[in-house]
Amino acid sequence: MTVRSAWLSPDGQSREDTRTNQVGSLTPVTDTKGRSGVLPGSEGGVYRVTGLWLAGTDGTLNATVGVGRAVIQSSIDRGAYPVAVTQPVALTFAGGDAQYGRIDLVVLRVDDDVSGRRRPGHP
């Protein structure tokens, strides 16, 4: 699997899932809550942030999300969800209305039955 979580998901969590996620890299917001976002760093330390970089070609409906790590903060009592993308993920956007310009947004979201973060109507 190329997108790995470091919480006990219903389909199982491997030791590799746990190792590929950095749970100590939170930016504090309060005493017990961190800020959601992409974790900084790059291979060899050359760039400040390269994780989850989105690459695409103008005029096409295709893009690729690069490898990287992020943290999605839930409520204070639920804590944070560390996530790692270990292989590039290809995306295809649905066609839009040719009359209007568009800006597409790619969001990393955690859907979790236990925390109540599952979007209605989504598995």
C-alpha atoms as a PDB file:
ATOM      1  CA  MET A   1       0.000   0.000   0.000  1.00  0.00           C
ATOM      2  CA  THR A   2       1.400   3.411  -0.870  1.00  0.00           C
ATOM      3  CA  VAL A   3      -0.608   5.516   1.594  1.00  0.00           C
ATOM      4  CA  ARG A   4       0.139   4.361   5.118  1.00  0.00           C
ATOM      5  CA  SER A   5      -1.484   5.343   8.381  1.00  0.00           C
ATOM      6  CA  ALA A   6       0.000   4.967  11.827  1.00  0.00           C
ATOM      7  CA  TRP A   7      -3.195   4.213  13.658  1.00  0.00           C
ATOM      8  CA  LEU A   8      -4.896   0.870  14.034  1.00  0.00           C
ATOM      9  CA  SER A   9      -7.084   0.790  10.951  1.00  0.00           C
ATOM     10  CA  PRO A  10      -9.767  -1.872  10.381  1.00  0.00           C
ATOM     11  CA  ASP A  11      -7.696  -3.489   7.607  1.00  0.00           C
ATOM     12  CA  GLY A  12      -4.636  -3.843   9.826  1.00  0.00           C
ATOM     13  CA  GLN A  13      -1.445  -1.964  10.653  1.00  0.00           C
ATOM     14  CA  SER A  14       1.995  -3.306   9.958  1.00  0.00           C
ATOM     15  CA  ARG A  15       5.248  -2.504  11.721  1.00  0.00           C
ATOM     16  CA  GLU A  16       6.334  -0.802   8.508  1.00  0.00           C
ATOM     17  CA  ASP A  17       3.229   1.431   8.656  1.00  0.00           C
ATOM     18  CA  THR A  18       4.275   2.551  12.117  1.00  0.00           C
ATOM     19  CA  ARG A  19       7.940   3.084  11.203  1.00  0.00           C
ATOM     20  CA  THR A  20       7.225   5.174   8.092  1.00  0.00           C
ATOM     21  CA  ASN A  21       5.231   7.748  10.049  1.00  0.00           C
ATOM     22  CA  GLN A  22       6.808  10.394  12.254  1.00  0.00           C
ATOM     23  CA  VAL A  23       4.569  11.048  15.227  1.00  0.00           C
ATOM     24  CA  GLY A  24       6.928  13.437  17.045  1.00  0.00           C
ATOM     25  CA  SER A  25       6.903  16.094  14.334  1.00  0.00           C
ATOM     26  CA  LEU A  26       3.892  18.148  15.371  1.00  0.00           C
ATOM     27  CA  THR A  27       3.788  21.932  15.544  1.00  0.00           C
ATOM     28  CA  PRO A  28       2.043  22.733  18.824  1.00  0.00           C
ATOM     29  CA  VAL A  29      -1.147  24.802  18.805  1.00  0.00           C
ATOM     30  CA  THR A  30      -2.115  24.151  22.439  1.00  0.00           C
ATOM     31  CA  ASP A  31      -0.702  21.952  25.193  1.00  0.00           C
ATOM     32  CA  THR A  32      -2.379  18.875  23.715  1.00  0.00           C
ATOM     33  CA  LYS A  33      -3.104  19.739  20.081  1.00  0.00           C
ATOM     34  CA  GLY A  34      -0.866  20.037  17.048  1.00  0.00           C
ATOM     35  CA  ARG A  35      -1.235  21.748  13.676  1.00  0.00           C
ATOM     36  CA  SER A  36      -2.252  19.679  10.645  1.00  0.00           C
ATOM     37  CA  GLY A  37       0.015  19.846   7.645  1.00  0.00           C
ATOM     38  CA  VAL A  38       2.777  18.401   5.494  1.00  0.00           C
ATOM     39  CA  LEU A  39       5.965  17.580   7.389  1.00  0.00           C
ATOM     40  CA  PRO A  40       9.019  19.483   6.177  1.00  0.00           C
ATOM     41  CA  GLY A  41      12.173  18.004   4.720  1.00  0.00           C
ATOM     42  CA  SER A  42      13.567  16.507   1.558  1.00  0.00           C
ATOM     43  CA  GLU A  43      15.943  13.784   0.464  1.00  0.00           C
ATOM     44  CA  GLY A  44      19.419  14.912   1.519  1.00  0.00           C
ATOM     45  CA  GLY A  45      18.053  18.106   3.124  1.00  0.00           C
ATOM     46  CA  VAL A  46      18.395  20.124  -0.095  1.00  0.00           C
ATOM     47  CA  TYR A  47      14.893  21.646   0.038  1.00  0.00           C
ATOM     48  CA  ARG A  48      12.756  22.846   2.921  1.00  0.00           C
ATOM     49  CA  VAL A  49       9.616  20.941   1.839  1.00  0.00           C
ATOM     50  CA  THR A  50       9.131  18.446  -0.979  1.00  0.00           C
ATOM     51  CA  GLY A  51       6.599  16.078   0.579  1.00  0.00           C
ATOM     52  CA  LEU A  52       3.274  15.469  -1.168  1.00  0.00           C
ATOM     53  CA  TRP A  53       4.261  17.738  -4.051  1.00  0.00           C
ATOM     54  CA  LEU A  54       1.583  17.874  -6.755  1.00  0.00           C
ATOM     55  CA  ALA A  55       2.796  17.639 -10.355  1.00  0.00           C
ATOM     56  CA  GLY A  56       0.615  17.867 -13.442  1.00  0.00           C
ATOM     57  CA  THR A  57       0.474  19.213 -16.976  1.00  0.00           C
ATOM     58  CA  ASP A  58      -1.680  22.187 -17.938  1.00  0.00           C
ATOM     59  CA  GLY A  59      -4.566  21.220 -20.186  1.00  0.00           C
ATOM     60  CA  THR A  60      -4.802  17.654 -18.874  1.00  0.00           C
ATOM     61  CA  LEU A  61      -6.937  16.128 -16.149  1.00  0.00           C
ATOM     62  CA  ASN A  62      -4.065  14.128 -14.661  1.00  0.00           C
ATOM     63  CA  ALA A  63      -1.705  14.839 -11.775  1.00  0.00           C
ATOM     64  CA  THR A  64       0.597  12.944  -9.446  1.00  0.00           C
ATOM     65  CA  VAL A  65       0.986  13.397  -5.698  1.00  0.00           C
ATOM     66  CA  GLY A  66       4.589  12.762  -4.663  1.00  0.00           C
ATOM     67  CA  VAL A  67       5.807  10.902  -1.602  1.00  0.00           C
ATOM     68  CA  GLY A  68       5.799  12.589   1.788  1.00  0.00           C
ATOM     69  CA  ARG A  69       4.440  12.689   5.307  1.00  0.00           C
ATOM     70  CA  ALA A  70       1.665  14.701   6.914  1.00  0.00           C
ATOM     71  CA  VAL A  71      -0.219  14.996  10.182  1.00  0.00           C
ATOM     72  CA  ILE A  72      -3.997  15.400  10.355  1.00  0.00           C
ATOM     73  CA  GLN A  73      -5.084  16.762  13.751  1.00  0.00           C
ATOM     74  CA  SER A  74      -8.413  15.544  15.080  1.00  0.00           C
ATOM     75  CA  SER A  75     -10.143  16.770  18.210  1.00  0.00           C
ATOM     76  CA  ILE A  76      -8.021  17.158  21.340  1.00  0.00           C
ATOM     77  CA  ASP A  77      -9.318  13.924  22.866  1.00  0.00           C
ATOM     78  CA  ARG A  78      -8.679  11.922  19.658  1.00  0.00           C
ATOM     79  CA  GLY A  79      -5.143  13.158  18.939  1.00  0.00           C
ATOM     80  CA  ALA A  80      -3.429  13.303  15.548  1.00  0.00           C
ATOM     81  CA  TYR A  81      -3.308  10.944  12.566  1.00  0.00           C
ATOM     82  CA  PRO A  82       0.167  10.628  11.030  1.00  0.00           C
ATOM     83  CA  VAL A  83       0.023   9.612   7.354  1.00  0.00           C
ATOM     84  CA  ALA A  84       2.791   8.665   4.914  1.00  0.00           C
ATOM     85  CA  VAL A  85       2.593   8.366   1.130  1.00  0.00           C
ATOM     86  CA  THR A  86       5.455   6.035   0.192  1.00  0.00           C
ATOM     87  CA  GLN A  87       4.908   5.804  -3.580  1.00  0.00           C
ATOM     88  CA  PRO A  88       3.586   8.489  -5.977  1.00  0.00           C
ATOM     89  CA  VAL A  89      -0.215   8.452  -6.368  1.00  0.00           C
ATOM     90  CA  ALA A  90      -1.755   9.159  -9.788  1.00  0.00           C
ATOM     91  CA  LEU A  91      -4.928  11.289  -9.835  1.00  0.00           C
ATOM     92  CA  THR A  92      -7.463  11.888 -12.605  1.00  0.00           C
ATOM     93  CA  PHE A  93      -9.844  14.824 -12.235  1.00  0.00           C
ATOM     94  CA  ALA A  94     -13.366  14.797 -13.619  1.00  0.00           C
ATOM     95  CA  GLY A  95     -14.024  17.074 -16.582  1.00  0.00           C
ATOM     96  CA  GLY A  96     -15.547  20.461 -15.775  1.00  0.00           C
ATOM     97  CA  ASP A  97     -17.709  22.991 -17.556  1.00  0.00           C
ATOM     98  CA  ALA A  98     -15.776  24.308 -20.576  1.00  0.00           C
ATOM     99  CA  GLN A  99     -17.434  27.718 -20.158  1.00  0.00           C
ATOM    100  CA  TYR A 100     -15.767  28.385 -16.798  1.00  0.00           C
ATOM    101  CA  GLY A 101     -12.162  28.317 -15.646  1.00  0.00           C
ATOM    102  CA  ARG A 102     -11.295  25.962 -12.834  1.00  0.00           C
ATOM    103  CA  ILE A 103      -8.944  25.454  -9.961  1.00  0.00           C
ATOM    104  CA  ASP A 104      -8.699  21.915  -8.583  1.00  0.00           C
ATOM    105  CA  LEU A 105      -7.925  21.237  -4.943  1.00  0.00           C
ATOM    106  CA  VAL A 106      -6.340  18.050  -3.630  1.00  0.00           C
ATOM    107  CA  VAL A 107      -7.044  17.374   0.052  1.00  0.00           C
ATOM    108  CA  LEU A 108      -5.629  14.767   2.408  1.00  0.00           C
ATOM    109  CA  ARG A 109      -8.511  13.785   4.679  1.00  0.00           C
ATOM    110  CA  VAL A 110      -8.861  11.083   7.325  1.00  0.00           C
ATOM    111  CA  ASP A 111     -12.178   9.210   7.369  1.00  0.00           C
ATOM    112  CA  ASP A 112     -12.471   7.280  10.632  1.00  0.00           C
ATOM    113  CA  ASP A 113     -15.662   5.714  12.031  1.00  0.00           C
ATOM    114  CA  VAL A 114     -14.407   5.761  15.619  1.00  0.00           C
ATOM    115  CA  SER A 115     -13.522   9.467  15.695  1.00  0.00           C
ATOM    116  CA  GLY A 116     -16.608  10.528  13.775  1.00  0.00           C
ATOM    117  CA  ARG A 117     -14.463  11.957  10.966  1.00  0.00           C
ATOM    118  CA  ARG A 118     -16.116   9.812   8.280  1.00  0.00           C
ATOM    119  CA  ARG A 119     -17.950  11.808   5.622  1.00  0.00           C
ATOM    120  CA  PRO A 120     -21.610  10.807   5.296  1.00  0.00           C
ATOM    121  CA  GLY A 121     -22.181   8.503   2.329  1.00  0.00           C
ATOM    122  CA  HIS A 122     -18.519   7.464   1.978  1.00  0.00           C
ATOM    123  CA  PRO A 123     -17.222   3.988   2.811  1.00  0.00           C
END
